[in-house]
Amino acid sequence: MVWMDDAAAIDALLALPAPGFEAALNDRSAGVLGHLRQATHLTAWPIVSQIADRFAGPRTALIAEAAHVLPPSARRA
């Protein structure tokens, strides 16, 4: 599972004991997948947003998901 948020929120989540993290996880997931529990060690990576200089070139075009560094669902408005 990937949970994307701002750095301060992620740091706060990483600092929680397992029961606190699981409560936050289940609150955020709204029960869509049933009750979730932490099964592995938590890790965090910074997300870097990039925009291509061009989306097309000779005989090449980036379209749909190939044009995204991050899927649209991971971007913040």
PDB file of N, CA and C in Angstrom:
ATOM      1  N   MET A   1       0.846  -1.157   0.000  1.00  0.00           N
ATOM      2  CA  MET A   1       0.000   0.000   0.000  1.00  0.00           C
ATOM      3  C   MET A   1       0.896   1.225   0.000  1.00  0.00           C
ATOM      4  N   VAL A   2       0.484   2.229  -0.721  1.00  0.00           N
ATOM      5  CA  VAL A   2       1.198   3.500  -0.769  1.00  0.00           C
ATOM      6  C   VAL A   2       0.295   4.566  -0.180  1.00  0.00           C
ATOM      7  N   TRP A   3       0.802   5.298   0.770  1.00  0.00           N
ATOM      8  CA  TRP A   3       0.068   6.395   1.389  1.00  0.00           C
ATOM      9  C   TRP A   3       0.849   7.661   1.082  1.00  0.00           C
ATOM     10  N   MET A   4       0.270   8.539   0.291  1.00  0.00           N
ATOM     11  CA  MET A   4       0.944   9.777  -0.078  1.00  0.00           C
ATOM     12  C   MET A   4       0.335  10.941   0.698  1.00  0.00           C
ATOM     13  N   ASP A   5       1.214  11.765   1.269  1.00  0.00           N
ATOM     14  CA  ASP A   5       0.780  12.935   2.025  1.00  0.00           C
ATOM     15  C   ASP A   5       1.967  13.877   2.115  1.00  0.00           C
ATOM     16  N   ASP A   6       1.785  15.018   2.780  1.00  0.00           N
ATOM     17  CA  ASP A   6       2.923  15.920   2.919  1.00  0.00           C
ATOM     18  C   ASP A   6       3.904  15.363   3.949  1.00  0.00           C
ATOM     19  N   ALA A   7       5.113  15.881   3.939  1.00  0.00           N
ATOM     20  CA  ALA A   7       6.198  15.331   4.761  1.00  0.00           C
ATOM     21  C   ALA A   7       5.865  15.341   6.249  1.00  0.00           C
ATOM     22  N   ALA A   8       5.250  16.416   6.738  1.00  0.00           N
ATOM     23  CA  ALA A   8       4.931  16.494   8.169  1.00  0.00           C
ATOM     24  C   ALA A   8       3.927  15.417   8.571  1.00  0.00           C
ATOM     25  N   ALA A   9       2.930  15.179   7.742  1.00  0.00           N
ATOM     26  CA  ALA A   9       1.937  14.145   8.049  1.00  0.00           C
ATOM     27  C   ALA A   9       2.572  12.763   8.036  1.00  0.00           C
ATOM     28  N   ILE A  10       3.443  12.511   7.067  1.00  0.00           N
ATOM     29  CA  ILE A  10       4.118  11.208   7.002  1.00  0.00           C
ATOM     30  C   ILE A  10       5.018  11.012   8.214  1.00  0.00           C
ATOM     31  N   ASP A  11       5.761  12.049   8.611  1.00  0.00           N
ATOM     32  CA  ASP A  11       6.609  11.941   9.803  1.00  0.00           C
ATOM     33  C   ASP A  11       5.771  11.616  11.036  1.00  0.00           C
ATOM     34  N   ALA A  12       4.603  12.240  11.155  1.00  0.00           N
ATOM     35  CA  ALA A  12       3.717  11.966  12.298  1.00  0.00           C
ATOM     36  C   ALA A  12       3.225  10.528  12.264  1.00  0.00           C
ATOM     37  N   LEU A  13       2.872  10.023  11.091  1.00  0.00           N
ATOM     38  CA  LEU A  13       2.419   8.632  10.971  1.00  0.00           C
ATOM     39  C   LEU A  13       3.535   7.652  11.330  1.00  0.00           C
ATOM     40  N   LEU A  14       4.745   7.938  10.862  1.00  0.00           N
ATOM     41  CA  LEU A  14       5.878   7.055  11.152  1.00  0.00           C
ATOM     42  C   LEU A  14       6.211   7.019  12.639  1.00  0.00           C
ATOM     43  N   ALA A  15       5.890   8.084  13.359  1.00  0.00           N
ATOM     44  CA  ALA A  15       6.185   8.156  14.790  1.00  0.00           C
ATOM     45  C   ALA A  15       5.159   7.425  15.649  1.00  0.00           C
ATOM     46  N   LEU A  16       4.034   7.041  15.064  1.00  0.00           N
ATOM     47  CA  LEU A  16       2.981   6.371  15.828  1.00  0.00           C
ATOM     48  C   LEU A  16       3.369   4.942  16.179  1.00  0.00           C
ATOM     49  N   PRO A  17       2.937   4.461  17.356  1.00  0.00           N
ATOM     50  CA  PRO A  17       3.085   3.028  17.634  1.00  0.00           C
ATOM     51  C   PRO A  17       2.141   2.267  16.699  1.00  0.00           C
ATOM     52  N   ALA A  18       2.383   0.976  16.509  1.00  0.00           N
ATOM     53  CA  ALA A  18       1.593   0.171  15.562  1.00  0.00           C
ATOM     54  C   ALA A  18       0.081   0.324  15.753  1.00  0.00           C
ATOM     55  N   PRO A  19      -0.462   0.259  16.984  1.00  0.00           N
ATOM     56  CA  PRO A  19      -1.920   0.409  17.120  1.00  0.00           C
ATOM     57  C   PRO A  19      -2.418   1.780  16.647  1.00  0.00           C
ATOM     58  N   GLY A  20      -1.656   2.829  16.897  1.00  0.00           N
ATOM     59  CA  GLY A  20      -2.039   4.165  16.447  1.00  0.00           C
ATOM     60  C   GLY A  20      -1.992   4.291  14.938  1.00  0.00           C
ATOM     61  N   PHE A  21      -0.948   3.682  14.329  1.00  0.00           N
ATOM     62  CA  PHE A  21      -0.856   3.715  12.871  1.00  0.00           C
ATOM     63  C   PHE A  21      -2.012   2.937  12.252  1.00  0.00           C
ATOM     64  N   GLU A  22      -2.312   1.771  12.797  1.00  0.00           N
ATOM     65  CA  GLU A  22      -3.421   0.974  12.257  1.00  0.00           C
ATOM     66  C   GLU A  22      -4.755   1.718  12.371  1.00  0.00           C
ATOM     67  N   ALA A  23      -4.958   2.455  13.453  1.00  0.00           N
ATOM     68  CA  ALA A  23      -6.185   3.244  13.598  1.00  0.00           C
ATOM     69  C   ALA A  23      -6.236   4.328  12.516  1.00  0.00           C
ATOM     70  N   ALA A  24      -5.121   5.014  12.290  1.00  0.00           N
ATOM     71  CA  ALA A  24      -5.069   6.045  11.247  1.00  0.00           C
ATOM     72  C   ALA A  24      -5.259   5.426   9.867  1.00  0.00           C
ATOM     73  N   LEU A  25      -4.659   4.280   9.643  1.00  0.00           N
ATOM     74  CA  LEU A  25      -4.773   3.570   8.368  1.00  0.00           C
ATOM     75  C   LEU A  25      -6.220   3.196   8.073  1.00  0.00           C
ATOM     76  N   ASN A  26      -6.901   2.649   9.058  1.00  0.00           N
ATOM     77  CA  ASN A  26      -8.295   2.241   8.868  1.00  0.00           C
ATOM     78  C   ASN A  26      -9.228   3.435   8.740  1.00  0.00           C
ATOM     79  N   ASP A  27      -8.904   4.522   9.439  1.00  0.00           N
ATOM     80  CA  ASP A  27      -9.698   5.735   9.279  1.00  0.00           C
ATOM     81  C   ASP A  27      -9.547   6.280   7.863  1.00  0.00           C
ATOM     82  N   ARG A  28      -8.308   6.338   7.369  1.00  0.00           N
ATOM     83  CA  ARG A  28      -8.043   6.887   6.023  1.00  0.00           C
ATOM     84  C   ARG A  28      -8.615   6.004   4.921  1.00  0.00           C
ATOM     85  N   SER A  29      -8.612   4.689   5.091  1.00  0.00           N
ATOM     86  CA  SER A  29      -9.097   3.787   4.041  1.00  0.00           C
ATOM     87  C   SER A  29     -10.621   3.665   4.037  1.00  0.00           C
ATOM     88  N   ALA A  30     -11.274   4.184   5.059  1.00  0.00           N
ATOM     89  CA  ALA A  30     -12.737   4.186   5.156  1.00  0.00           C
ATOM     90  C   ALA A  30     -13.349   2.795   5.031  1.00  0.00           C
ATOM     91  N   GLY A  31     -12.593   1.764   5.368  1.00  0.00           N
ATOM     92  CA  GLY A  31     -13.127   0.412   5.354  1.00  0.00           C
ATOM     93  C   GLY A  31     -13.360  -0.182   3.976  1.00  0.00           C
ATOM     94  N   VAL A  32     -12.880   0.473   2.924  1.00  0.00           N
ATOM     95  CA  VAL A  32     -13.117  -0.018   1.562  1.00  0.00           C
ATOM     96  C   VAL A  32     -12.575  -1.435   1.375  1.00  0.00           C
ATOM     97  N   LEU A  33     -11.445  -1.744   1.999  1.00  0.00           N
ATOM     98  CA  LEU A  33     -10.843  -3.080   1.879  1.00  0.00           C
ATOM     99  C   LEU A  33     -11.022  -3.903   3.147  1.00  0.00           C
ATOM    100  N   GLY A  34     -11.947  -3.511   3.999  1.00  0.00           N
ATOM    101  CA  GLY A  34     -12.115  -4.194   5.273  1.00  0.00           C
ATOM    102  C   GLY A  34     -11.099  -3.676   6.280  1.00  0.00           C
ATOM    103  N   HIS A  35     -10.967  -4.358   7.411  1.00  0.00           N
ATOM    104  CA  HIS A  35     -10.020  -3.935   8.444  1.00  0.00           C
ATOM    105  C   HIS A  35      -8.594  -4.218   7.975  1.00  0.00           C
ATOM    106  N   LEU A  36      -7.736  -3.209   8.050  1.00  0.00           N
ATOM    107  CA  LEU A  36      -6.340  -3.348   7.635  1.00  0.00           C
ATOM    108  C   LEU A  36      -5.441  -3.368   8.855  1.00  0.00           C
ATOM    109  N   ARG A  37      -4.331  -4.086   8.740  1.00  0.00           N
ATOM    110  CA  ARG A  37      -3.344  -4.073   9.825  1.00  0.00           C
ATOM    111  C   ARG A  37      -1.951  -3.971   9.225  1.00  0.00           C
ATOM    112  N   GLN A  38      -1.038  -3.418   9.999  1.00  0.00           N
ATOM    113  CA  GLN A  38       0.338  -3.260   9.559  1.00  0.00           C
ATOM    114  C   GLN A  38       1.009  -4.624   9.536  1.00  0.00           C
ATOM    115  N   ALA A  39       1.520  -5.016   8.380  1.00  0.00           N
ATOM    116  CA  ALA A  39       2.127  -6.342   8.255  1.00  0.00           C
ATOM    117  C   ALA A  39       3.641  -6.291   8.085  1.00  0.00           C
ATOM    118  N   THR A  40       4.188  -5.120   7.776  1.00  0.00           N
ATOM    119  CA  THR A  40       5.630  -4.984   7.569  1.00  0.00           C
ATOM    120  C   THR A  40       6.112  -3.706   8.233  1.00  0.00           C
ATOM    121  N   HIS A  41       7.418  -3.539   8.233  1.00  0.00           N
ATOM    122  CA  HIS A  41       8.029  -2.316   8.736  1.00  0.00           C
ATOM    123  C   HIS A  41       7.655  -1.158   7.813  1.00  0.00           C
ATOM    124  N   LEU A  42       7.357   0.010   8.380  1.00  0.00           N
ATOM    125  CA  LEU A  42       7.001   1.169   7.572  1.00  0.00           C
ATOM    126  C   LEU A  42       8.263   1.827   7.003  1.00  0.00           C
ATOM    127  N   THR A  43       8.172   2.271   5.771  1.00  0.00           N
ATOM    128  CA  THR A  43       9.261   3.021   5.152  1.00  0.00           C
ATOM    129  C   THR A  43       8.673   4.228   4.443  1.00  0.00           C
ATOM    130  N   ALA A  44       9.499   5.212   4.170  1.00  0.00           N
ATOM    131  CA  ALA A  44       9.027   6.425   3.499  1.00  0.00           C
ATOM    132  C   ALA A  44      10.045   6.852   2.452  1.00  0.00           C
ATOM    133  N   TRP A  45       9.544   7.339   1.335  1.00  0.00           N
ATOM    134  CA  TRP A  45      10.367   7.883   0.262  1.00  0.00           C
ATOM    135  C   TRP A  45       9.767   9.212  -0.153  1.00  0.00           C
ATOM    136  N   PRO A  46      10.606  10.214  -0.402  1.00  0.00           N
ATOM    137  CA  PRO A  46      10.051  11.485  -0.886  1.00  0.00           C
ATOM    138  C   PRO A  46       9.531  11.322  -2.314  1.00  0.00           C
ATOM    139  N   ILE A  47       8.444  11.993  -2.606  1.00  0.00           N
ATOM    140  CA  ILE A  47       7.867  11.967  -3.949  1.00  0.00           C
ATOM    141  C   ILE A  47       8.363  13.215  -4.681  1.00  0.00           C
ATOM    142  N   VAL A  48       8.917  12.998  -5.855  1.00  0.00           N
ATOM    143  CA  VAL A  48       9.434  14.098  -6.661  1.00  0.00           C
ATOM    144  C   VAL A  48       8.548  14.242  -7.890  1.00  0.00           C
ATOM    145  N   SER A  49       7.995  15.421  -8.065  1.00  0.00           N
ATOM    146  CA  SER A  49       7.138  15.683  -9.223  1.00  0.00           C
ATOM    147  C   SER A  49       7.989  16.218 -10.371  1.00  0.00           C
ATOM    148  N   GLN A  50       7.718  15.729 -11.561  1.00  0.00           N
ATOM    149  CA  GLN A  50       8.447  16.180 -12.742  1.00  0.00           C
ATOM    150  C   GLN A  50       7.468  16.423 -13.879  1.00  0.00           C
ATOM    151  N   ILE A  51       7.792  17.382 -14.743  1.00  0.00           N
ATOM    152  CA  ILE A  51       7.005  17.641 -15.938  1.00  0.00           C
ATOM    153  C   ILE A  51       7.960  17.590 -17.124  1.00  0.00           C
ATOM    154  N   ALA A  52       7.599  16.820 -18.121  1.00  0.00           N
ATOM    155  CA  ALA A  52       8.452  16.682 -19.308  1.00  0.00           C
ATOM    156  C   ALA A  52       8.507  17.986 -20.089  1.00  0.00           C
ATOM    157  N   ASP A  53       9.648  18.237 -20.728  1.00  0.00           N
ATOM    158  CA  ASP A  53       9.783  19.395 -21.610  1.00  0.00           C
ATOM    159  C   ASP A  53       8.921  19.211 -22.854  1.00  0.00           C
ATOM    160  N   ARG A  54       8.794  17.951 -23.329  1.00  0.00           N
ATOM    161  CA  ARG A  54       7.985  17.648 -24.508  1.00  0.00           C
ATOM    162  C   ARG A  54       7.304  16.312 -24.267  1.00  0.00           C
ATOM    163  N   PHE A  55       6.147  16.136 -24.883  1.00  0.00           N
ATOM    164  CA  PHE A  55       5.420  14.875 -24.797  1.00  0.00           C
ATOM    165  C   PHE A  55       5.402  14.144 -26.134  1.00  0.00           C
ATOM    166  N   ALA A  56       5.999  14.742 -27.163  1.00  0.00           N
ATOM    167  CA  ALA A  56       6.042  14.113 -28.482  1.00  0.00           C
ATOM    168  C   ALA A  56       7.355  14.455 -29.162  1.00  0.00           C
ATOM    169  N   GLY A  57       7.782  13.570 -30.029  1.00  0.00           N
ATOM    170  CA  GLY A  57       8.989  13.760 -30.817  1.00  0.00           C
ATOM    171  C   GLY A  57       8.857  12.936 -32.069  1.00  0.00           C
ATOM    172  N   PRO A  58       9.917  12.859 -32.858  1.00  0.00           N
ATOM    173  CA  PRO A  58       9.850  12.061 -34.084  1.00  0.00           C
ATOM    174  C   PRO A  58       9.443  10.613 -33.787  1.00  0.00           C
ATOM    175  N   ARG A  59       8.284  10.206 -34.305  1.00  0.00           N
ATOM    176  CA  ARG A  59       7.761   8.845 -34.202  1.00  0.00           C
ATOM    177  C   ARG A  59       7.515   8.388 -32.767  1.00  0.00           C
ATOM    178  N   THR A  60       7.385   9.331 -31.833  1.00  0.00           N
ATOM    179  CA  THR A  60       7.186   8.987 -30.424  1.00  0.00           C
ATOM    180  C   THR A  60       6.200   9.964 -29.783  1.00  0.00           C
ATOM    181  N   ALA A  61       5.319   9.436 -28.983  1.00  0.00           N
ATOM    182  CA  ALA A  61       4.422  10.285 -28.188  1.00  0.00           C
ATOM    183  C   ALA A  61       4.150   9.600 -26.863  1.00  0.00           C
ATOM    184  N   LEU A  62       4.164  10.361 -25.789  1.00  0.00           N
ATOM    185  CA  LEU A  62       3.801   9.833 -24.482  1.00  0.00           C
ATOM    186  C   LEU A  62       2.324  10.123 -24.274  1.00  0.00           C
ATOM    187  N   ILE A  63       1.549   9.075 -24.024  1.00  0.00           N
ATOM    188  CA  ILE A  63       0.112   9.239 -23.823  1.00  0.00           C
ATOM    189  C   ILE A  63      -0.334   8.440 -22.612  1.00  0.00           C
ATOM    190  N   ALA A  64      -1.477   8.796 -22.102  1.00  0.00           N
ATOM    191  CA  ALA A  64      -2.108   8.101 -20.985  1.00  0.00           C
ATOM    192  C   ALA A  64      -1.127   7.982 -19.816  1.00  0.00           C
ATOM    193  N   GLU A  65      -1.058   6.839 -19.181  1.00  0.00           N
ATOM    194  CA  GLU A  65      -0.217   6.672 -17.995  1.00  0.00           C
ATOM    195  C   GLU A  65       1.276   6.794 -18.306  1.00  0.00           C
ATOM    196  N   ALA A  66       1.679   6.541 -19.531  1.00  0.00           N
ATOM    197  CA  ALA A  66       3.092   6.684 -19.894  1.00  0.00           C
ATOM    198  C   ALA A  66       3.555   8.129 -19.770  1.00  0.00           C
ATOM    199  N   ALA A  67       2.638   9.068 -19.834  1.00  0.00           N
ATOM    200  CA  ALA A  67       2.987  10.485 -19.750  1.00  0.00           C
ATOM    201  C   ALA A  67       3.092  10.979 -18.312  1.00  0.00           C
ATOM    202  N   HIS A  68       2.771  10.145 -17.334  1.00  0.00           N
ATOM    203  CA  HIS A  68       2.798  10.560 -15.930  1.00  0.00           C
ATOM    204  C   HIS A  68       4.019  10.005 -15.217  1.00  0.00           C
ATOM    205  N   VAL A  69       4.721  10.884 -14.475  1.00  0.00           N
ATOM    206  CA  VAL A  69       5.734  10.400 -13.539  1.00  0.00           C
ATOM    207  C   VAL A  69       5.005   9.777 -12.360  1.00  0.00           C
ATOM    208  N   LEU A  70       3.950  10.445 -11.916  1.00  0.00           N
ATOM    209  CA  LEU A  70       3.066   9.915 -10.880  1.00  0.00           C
ATOM    210  C   LEU A  70       1.680   9.812 -11.485  1.00  0.00           C
ATOM    211  N   PRO A  71       0.913   8.786 -11.126  1.00  0.00           N
ATOM    212  CA  PRO A  71      -0.453   8.722 -11.638  1.00  0.00           C
ATOM    213  C   PRO A  71      -1.262   9.911 -11.135  1.00  0.00           C
ATOM    214  N   PRO A  72      -2.281  10.331 -11.872  1.00  0.00           N
ATOM    215  CA  PRO A  72      -3.064  11.495 -11.446  1.00  0.00           C
ATOM    216  C   PRO A  72      -3.631  11.369 -10.033  1.00  0.00           C
ATOM    217  N   SER A  73      -3.941  10.163  -9.592  1.00  0.00           N
ATOM    218  CA  SER A  73      -4.505   9.983  -8.252  1.00  0.00           C
ATOM    219  C   SER A  73      -3.508  10.343  -7.163  1.00  0.00           C
ATOM    220  N   ALA A  74      -2.234  10.398  -7.479  1.00  0.00           N
ATOM    221  CA  ALA A  74      -1.212  10.706  -6.482  1.00  0.00           C
ATOM    222  C   ALA A  74      -0.883  12.195  -6.418  1.00  0.00           C
ATOM    223  N   ARG A  75      -1.425  12.965  -7.321  1.00  0.00           N
ATOM    224  CA  ARG A  75      -1.117  14.394  -7.355  1.00  0.00           C
ATOM    225  C   ARG A  75      -2.086  15.165  -6.466  1.00  0.00           C
ATOM    226  N   ARG A  76      -1.580  16.183  -5.843  1.00  0.00           N
ATOM    227  CA  ARG A  76      -2.415  17.047  -5.012  1.00  0.00           C
ATOM    228  C   ARG A  76      -2.809  18.272  -5.810  1.00  0.00           C
ATOM    229  N   ALA A  77      -4.037  18.686  -5.659  1.00  0.00           N
ATOM    230  CA  ALA A  77      -4.532  19.871  -6.374  1.00  0.00           C
ATOM    231  C   ALA A  77      -3.949  21.132  -5.773  1.00  0.00           C
TER     232      ALA A  77
END
